[in-house]
Amino acid sequence: MALRVFGFYNGLTEKARGYRYLQQYGSLLDDIALFQIAIEANGELTGAPSRRLIAEAHALGIKVFLVVSNLTPRGDFSTSLISRLVREPMFADKVWRNIYNLLVDYKCDGVNLDLEKGAPGDRALFSRFINTWTARFKGANYLVSIDVPAKTSEQRTDIWKGVFDYRALGQSVDMVILMTYEEHWPGSQPGSVASLPWVTQVLNYALANISGQKLYLGLPLYGYDWERPGKAEVIGYKRARELARRFGAPLQWDSEQHSTYFKYETRGQRHTVYFEDLRSLREKLDLAQRKGIGGVALWEMNLSYPEFWELLQTYV
């Protein structure tokens, strides 16, 4: 069964690196989500998308979503802002109206809610809030998708995961984007950002709570270069391959995590790099297809490359 493709476009204009991939491979996308609009403390929204970018996506038959987040100017997710949204109806109404006006003004097709790090104690309030907003957006003929952290159990007290009730959220929104990445992160030991065994566990748990056709498996197009636990930088496929070539580091396959990695040394410091390549991504695409879910979500298009799109073409 063919998979639908939801692509995160990290930017609001044609200046983003992902733009050339939209032009060259846009026919493979069903939906594109423009990322970089945030809710301010006063209920206003930061940023506005390019009308030309939206028109070009529509000309390719792609539905356009605006990603709305609770990111602060410092790049942190605001727990307090979510607490206000779920507790202050007038504030929530103002934010909803501002999102709605943006969707109308820019002729978009839907909204992607990237509201992260809500207080675990707000779980029931958060589900009710998302249900209310979703009903209003659907009533105005807009699609609603929501990004949810990867988990394999309820984890009700986890600061990143506890507020997300898969079952309740899945009953209201149109699409649930599983953020199946960051299994390993800068603060952890080196490892795959999305090992196949872990991704499989997350997807199985999600399928037990959410309709498969609403589920989109997150595909990370990146990895990390660790200098040490606590110090790592994001690295894409092309940069990782260039780095391995430069230092003569052989690419190795981690058969437990199903991920490519290599090690190199510079300035007396040993580095370990894990990154997603065509082999690991193919296995995740096979998993999504085998499970019969709605599709996959690409994080993110700026980090994509021609060989990946050629691989993706065989699944859509």
Protein backbone atom coordinates (compact mmCIF):
# COMPACT_ATOMS: atom_id res chain seq x y z
CA MET A 1 0.00 0.00 0.00
CA ALA A 2 1.30 3.45 -0.93
CA LEU A 3 2.25 5.78 1.90
CA ARG A 4 1.23 9.41 2.15
CA VAL A 5 4.07 11.87 2.76
CA PHE A 6 3.91 14.80 5.17
CA GLY A 7 6.99 17.01 4.87
CA PHE A 8 8.15 19.48 7.49
CA TYR A 9 9.59 22.55 5.77
CA ASN A 10 11.80 24.40 8.24
CA GLY A 11 11.24 27.96 7.08
CA LEU A 12 8.50 30.24 5.84
CA THR A 13 9.98 31.43 2.53
CA GLU A 14 11.76 30.23 -0.59
CA LYS A 15 15.12 30.95 1.11
CA ALA A 16 15.04 27.70 3.10
CA ARG A 17 17.32 24.93 1.83
CA GLY A 18 14.31 22.66 1.44
CA TYR A 19 12.90 24.86 -1.32
CA ARG A 20 14.85 23.21 -4.11
CA TYR A 21 13.57 19.81 -2.98
CA LEU A 22 10.02 21.11 -3.03
CA GLN A 23 10.58 22.22 -6.61
CA GLN A 24 12.27 19.00 -7.73
CA TYR A 25 10.34 16.38 -5.74
CA GLY A 26 7.15 18.11 -4.68
CA SER A 27 5.10 15.59 -6.64
CA LEU A 28 5.98 13.02 -3.97
CA LEU A 29 4.49 15.12 -1.16
CA ASP A 30 0.86 15.04 -0.10
CA ASP A 31 1.22 17.65 2.63
CA ILE A 32 3.81 20.25 3.59
CA ALA A 33 4.03 21.89 7.01
CA LEU A 34 5.69 25.30 7.19
CA PHE A 35 7.58 25.55 10.46
CA GLN A 36 8.53 28.75 12.38
CA ILE A 37 5.29 30.30 13.63
CA ALA A 38 5.08 30.58 17.41
CA ILE A 39 2.50 31.77 19.93
CA GLU A 40 3.64 34.81 21.89
CA ALA A 41 2.80 35.46 25.55
CA ASN A 42 0.21 38.06 24.48
CA GLY A 43 -1.58 35.60 22.18
CA GLU A 44 -0.20 37.02 18.95
CA LEU A 45 1.71 34.91 16.42
CA THR A 46 5.26 35.41 15.20
CA GLY A 47 6.08 35.06 11.54
CA ALA A 48 4.11 34.87 8.31
CA PRO A 49 4.56 32.49 5.37
CA SER A 50 5.40 33.32 1.78
CA ARG A 51 2.34 33.49 -0.47
CA ARG A 52 4.47 32.42 -3.41
CA LEU A 53 5.68 29.34 -1.54
CA ILE A 54 2.10 28.34 -0.69
CA ALA A 55 0.93 28.94 -4.26
CA GLU A 56 3.73 26.78 -5.64
CA ALA A 57 2.89 23.97 -3.25
CA HIS A 58 -0.78 24.15 -4.19
CA ALA A 59 0.14 24.09 -7.89
CA LEU A 60 1.85 20.75 -7.20
CA GLY A 61 -1.30 19.40 -5.54
CA ILE A 62 0.17 19.63 -2.02
CA LYS A 63 -1.94 20.59 1.00
CA VAL A 64 -0.29 23.32 3.08
CA PHE A 65 -0.27 23.25 6.89
CA LEU A 66 1.05 25.97 9.17
CA VAL A 67 2.99 24.63 12.14
CA VAL A 68 2.06 26.55 15.28
CA SER A 69 4.28 25.98 18.31
CA ASN A 70 4.87 27.15 21.86
CA LEU A 71 8.54 27.84 21.21
CA THR A 72 9.98 30.89 22.94
CA PRO A 73 12.51 33.28 21.34
CA ARG A 74 15.19 31.34 23.26
CA GLY A 75 14.19 28.14 21.50
CA ASP A 76 12.55 26.49 24.54
CA PHE A 77 9.06 25.02 24.65
CA SER A 78 6.94 27.02 27.10
CA THR A 79 5.10 24.87 29.65
CA SER A 80 3.44 27.94 31.11
CA LEU A 81 1.96 28.94 27.76
CA ILE A 82 0.25 25.56 27.41
CA SER A 83 -1.05 25.89 30.96
CA ARG A 84 -2.62 29.23 29.97
CA LEU A 85 -4.14 27.77 26.80
CA VAL A 86 -5.86 24.94 28.68
CA ARG A 87 -7.02 27.12 31.61
CA GLU A 88 -7.83 30.53 30.14
CA PRO A 89 -10.67 30.31 27.58
CA MET A 90 -10.38 33.96 26.52
CA PHE A 91 -6.64 33.60 25.87
CA ALA A 92 -7.15 30.31 24.00
CA ASP A 93 -9.91 31.89 21.92
CA LYS A 94 -7.66 34.81 20.97
CA VAL A 95 -4.88 32.44 19.86
CA TRP A 96 -7.32 30.24 17.93
CA ARG A 97 -8.74 33.30 16.16
CA ASN A 98 -5.26 34.49 15.20
CA ILE A 99 -4.39 31.06 13.77
CA TYR A 100 -7.70 30.90 11.91
CA ASN A 101 -7.16 34.38 10.42
CA LEU A 102 -3.69 33.35 9.24
CA LEU A 103 -5.05 30.20 7.59
CA VAL A 104 -7.75 32.22 5.81
CA ASP A 105 -5.43 35.04 4.78
CA TYR A 106 -2.78 32.75 3.33
CA LYS A 107 -5.19 30.19 1.86
CA CYS A 108 -3.79 27.25 3.80
CA ASP A 109 -5.40 23.84 4.23
CA GLY A 110 -4.76 23.09 7.86
CA VAL A 111 -2.80 23.57 11.05
CA ASN A 112 -0.12 21.41 12.63
CA LEU A 113 -0.07 21.78 16.41
CA ASP A 114 3.45 21.45 17.78
CA LEU A 115 2.65 22.11 21.44
CA GLU A 116 5.35 20.39 23.47
CA LYS A 117 6.35 20.01 27.11
CA GLY A 118 2.93 20.55 28.65
CA ALA A 119 2.69 19.86 32.39
CA PRO A 120 1.83 16.16 32.96
CA GLY A 121 -0.85 17.23 35.44
CA ASP A 122 -2.65 19.05 32.61
CA ARG A 123 -3.24 15.80 30.68
CA ALA A 124 -7.06 15.80 30.80
CA LEU A 125 -7.26 19.58 30.26
CA PHE A 126 -4.89 19.35 27.30
CA SER A 127 -6.95 16.60 25.62
CA ARG A 128 -10.13 18.63 26.12
CA PHE A 129 -8.46 21.76 24.76
CA ILE A 130 -7.19 19.97 21.62
CA ASN A 131 -10.65 18.48 21.09
CA THR A 132 -12.24 21.94 21.32
CA TRP A 133 -9.80 23.56 18.93
CA THR A 134 -10.05 20.65 16.50
CA ALA A 135 -13.83 20.88 16.39
CA ARG A 136 -13.60 24.60 15.63
CA PHE A 137 -11.01 24.17 12.90
CA LYS A 138 -12.91 21.29 11.32
CA GLY A 139 -16.09 23.35 11.48
CA ALA A 140 -14.26 25.92 9.38
CA ASN A 141 -13.10 23.18 6.95
CA TYR A 142 -9.47 23.05 8.06
CA LEU A 143 -7.46 19.91 8.70
CA VAL A 144 -5.77 19.40 12.08
CA SER A 145 -2.59 17.45 12.72
CA ILE A 146 -0.72 17.18 16.00
CA ASP A 147 2.87 16.22 16.80
CA VAL A 148 3.23 13.77 19.68
CA PRO A 149 6.41 12.52 21.39
CA ALA A 150 7.39 8.90 20.94
CA LYS A 151 6.53 6.62 23.84
CA THR A 152 5.98 2.94 24.51
CA SER A 153 3.71 3.27 27.56
CA GLU A 154 1.54 5.93 29.22
CA GLN A 155 4.46 7.54 31.07
CA ARG A 156 2.02 9.88 32.80
CA THR A 157 4.64 11.69 34.88
CA ASP A 158 7.23 12.26 32.13
CA ILE A 159 7.72 15.99 31.58
CA TRP A 160 7.84 15.58 27.79
CA LYS A 161 5.30 12.80 27.34
CA GLY A 162 2.86 12.73 30.25
CA VAL A 163 0.45 15.36 28.92
CA PHE A 164 -0.16 13.40 25.70
CA ASP A 165 -3.04 10.94 25.88
CA TYR A 166 -2.67 9.08 22.58
CA ARG A 167 -6.16 7.63 22.66
CA ALA A 168 -7.97 10.90 23.44
CA LEU A 169 -5.98 12.94 20.95
CA GLY A 170 -6.34 10.35 18.22
CA GLN A 171 -10.11 10.47 18.49
CA SER A 172 -10.33 14.15 17.54
CA VAL A 173 -7.54 15.22 15.15
CA ASP A 174 -7.17 14.21 11.51
CA MET A 175 -3.51 13.22 11.68
CA VAL A 176 -1.13 12.23 14.47
CA ILE A 177 2.56 12.77 13.70
CA LEU A 178 4.70 10.39 15.76
CA MET A 179 7.99 12.10 16.57
CA THR A 180 9.93 8.84 16.35
CA TYR A 181 13.31 10.43 16.83
CA GLU A 182 15.57 11.66 19.64
CA GLU A 183 15.91 8.18 21.14
CA HIS A 184 19.50 9.30 21.53
CA TRP A 185 20.15 13.04 21.79
CA PRO A 186 23.03 15.41 22.60
CA GLY A 187 22.75 14.71 26.33
CA SER A 188 22.81 10.93 25.96
CA GLN A 189 25.45 8.39 25.05
CA PRO A 190 26.03 8.11 21.29
CA GLY A 191 23.47 6.04 19.42
CA SER A 192 20.79 6.06 16.77
CA VAL A 193 18.23 8.87 16.94
CA ALA A 194 15.67 6.26 15.93
CA SER A 195 16.74 2.63 16.20
CA LEU A 196 14.45 0.20 14.39
CA PRO A 197 13.57 -1.87 17.51
CA TRP A 198 12.59 1.29 19.41
CA VAL A 199 10.63 2.77 16.50
CA THR A 200 8.77 -0.54 16.16
CA GLN A 201 7.84 -0.49 19.85
CA VAL A 202 6.62 3.10 19.62
CA LEU A 203 4.54 2.38 16.53
CA ASN A 204 3.00 -0.73 18.07
CA TYR A 205 2.00 1.24 21.16
CA ALA A 206 0.52 4.01 19.03
CA LEU A 207 -1.43 1.52 16.92
CA ALA A 208 -2.99 0.10 20.08
CA ASN A 209 -4.44 3.55 20.82
CA ILE A 210 -4.89 5.40 17.51
CA SER A 211 -6.41 4.48 14.17
CA GLY A 212 -3.62 3.40 11.84
CA GLN A 213 -4.84 5.59 9.00
CA LYS A 214 -4.37 8.68 11.19
CA LEU A 215 -0.80 7.77 12.11
CA TYR A 216 2.28 9.19 10.41
CA LEU A 217 5.67 7.75 11.32
CA GLY A 218 8.32 10.44 11.80
CA LEU A 219 11.40 9.88 9.60
CA PRO A 220 14.51 11.67 10.88
CA LEU A 221 16.83 12.82 8.11
CA TYR A 222 19.64 13.54 10.55
CA GLY A 223 21.88 12.20 13.27
CA TYR A 224 24.39 13.54 15.78
CA ASP A 225 28.13 13.99 15.96
CA TRP A 226 29.10 13.39 19.61
CA GLU A 227 32.30 14.83 20.99
CA ARG A 228 31.18 13.50 24.36
CA PRO A 229 27.85 12.86 26.11
CA GLY A 230 26.34 16.29 26.63
CA LYS A 231 28.08 17.78 23.61
CA ALA A 232 26.82 16.84 20.17
CA GLU A 233 25.82 18.60 16.98
CA VAL A 234 23.11 17.77 14.46
CA ILE A 235 24.50 16.27 11.28
CA GLY A 236 22.79 15.45 8.00
CA TYR A 237 23.51 12.60 5.59
CA LYS A 238 25.66 14.59 3.15
CA ARG A 239 27.78 16.19 5.88
CA ALA A 240 28.23 12.83 7.65
CA ARG A 241 29.46 11.15 4.47
CA GLU A 242 31.84 14.03 3.74
CA LEU A 243 33.23 13.88 7.29
CA ALA A 244 33.80 10.12 7.11
CA ARG A 245 35.62 10.50 3.79
CA ARG A 246 37.78 13.36 5.05
CA PHE A 247 39.00 11.42 8.08
CA GLY A 248 39.17 8.06 6.34
CA ALA A 249 36.67 6.64 8.82
CA PRO A 250 34.96 3.42 7.66
CA LEU A 251 31.18 3.42 7.83
CA GLN A 252 29.92 0.68 10.13
CA TRP A 253 26.49 -0.86 10.64
CA ASP A 254 25.11 -1.26 14.16
CA SER A 255 23.11 -4.48 13.79
CA GLU A 256 21.25 -3.97 17.08
CA GLN A 257 20.13 -0.42 16.42
CA HIS A 258 19.95 -0.79 12.64
CA SER A 259 21.92 2.38 12.10
CA THR A 260 25.11 3.53 10.38
CA TYR A 261 27.90 5.03 12.46
CA PHE A 262 31.57 5.90 12.33
CA LYS A 263 34.29 7.25 14.61
CA TYR A 264 37.02 9.76 13.95
CA GLU A 265 39.52 11.85 15.86
CA THR A 266 40.33 15.54 15.51
CA ARG A 267 42.35 17.87 17.73
CA GLY A 268 42.95 15.01 20.12
CA GLN A 269 39.23 14.42 20.67
CA ARG A 270 37.47 11.22 19.59
CA HIS A 271 34.05 11.68 17.97
CA THR A 272 31.24 9.20 17.38
CA VAL A 273 28.69 9.86 14.65
CA TYR A 274 25.36 8.07 14.21
CA PHE A 275 23.24 9.15 11.26
CA GLU A 276 20.27 8.01 9.21
CA ASP A 277 21.09 6.77 5.74
CA LEU A 278 19.23 5.04 2.93
CA ARG A 279 19.50 1.61 4.57
CA SER A 280 18.06 2.66 7.94
CA LEU A 281 15.38 4.83 6.34
CA ARG A 282 14.36 2.04 3.97
CA GLU A 283 13.76 -0.23 6.96
CA LYS A 284 11.51 2.38 8.57
CA LEU A 285 9.60 2.90 5.33
CA ASP A 286 9.14 -0.86 5.07
CA LEU A 287 7.85 -0.90 8.65
CA ALA A 288 5.33 1.88 7.96
CA GLN A 289 4.12 0.11 4.83
CA ARG A 290 3.91 -3.26 6.56
CA LYS A 291 1.85 -1.82 9.43
CA GLY A 292 -0.58 -0.18 7.02
CA ILE A 293 -0.44 3.27 8.60
CA GLY A 294 -1.42 6.54 6.91
CA GLY A 295 2.04 7.67 5.98
CA VAL A 296 5.38 9.11 7.01
CA ALA A 297 6.45 12.57 8.15
CA LEU A 298 9.85 13.94 7.14
CA TRP A 299 11.91 15.88 9.66
CA GLU A 300 12.99 17.87 7.89
CA MET A 301 13.22 18.82 4.24
CA ASN A 302 16.26 21.08 4.65
CA LEU A 303 18.28 17.97 5.53
CA SER A 304 17.04 15.85 2.63
CA TYR A 305 19.03 14.90 -0.47
CA PRO A 306 18.29 13.54 -3.96
CA GLU A 307 19.05 9.89 -3.13
CA PHE A 308 16.51 9.96 -0.33
CA TRP A 309 13.76 11.28 -2.59
CA GLU A 310 14.55 8.58 -5.14
CA LEU A 311 14.14 5.98 -2.38
CA LEU A 312 10.91 7.57 -1.21
CA GLN A 313 9.50 7.46 -4.75
CA THR A 314 9.20 3.66 -4.54
CA TYR A 315 6.84 3.89 -1.54
CA VAL A 316 4.35 6.57 -2.60
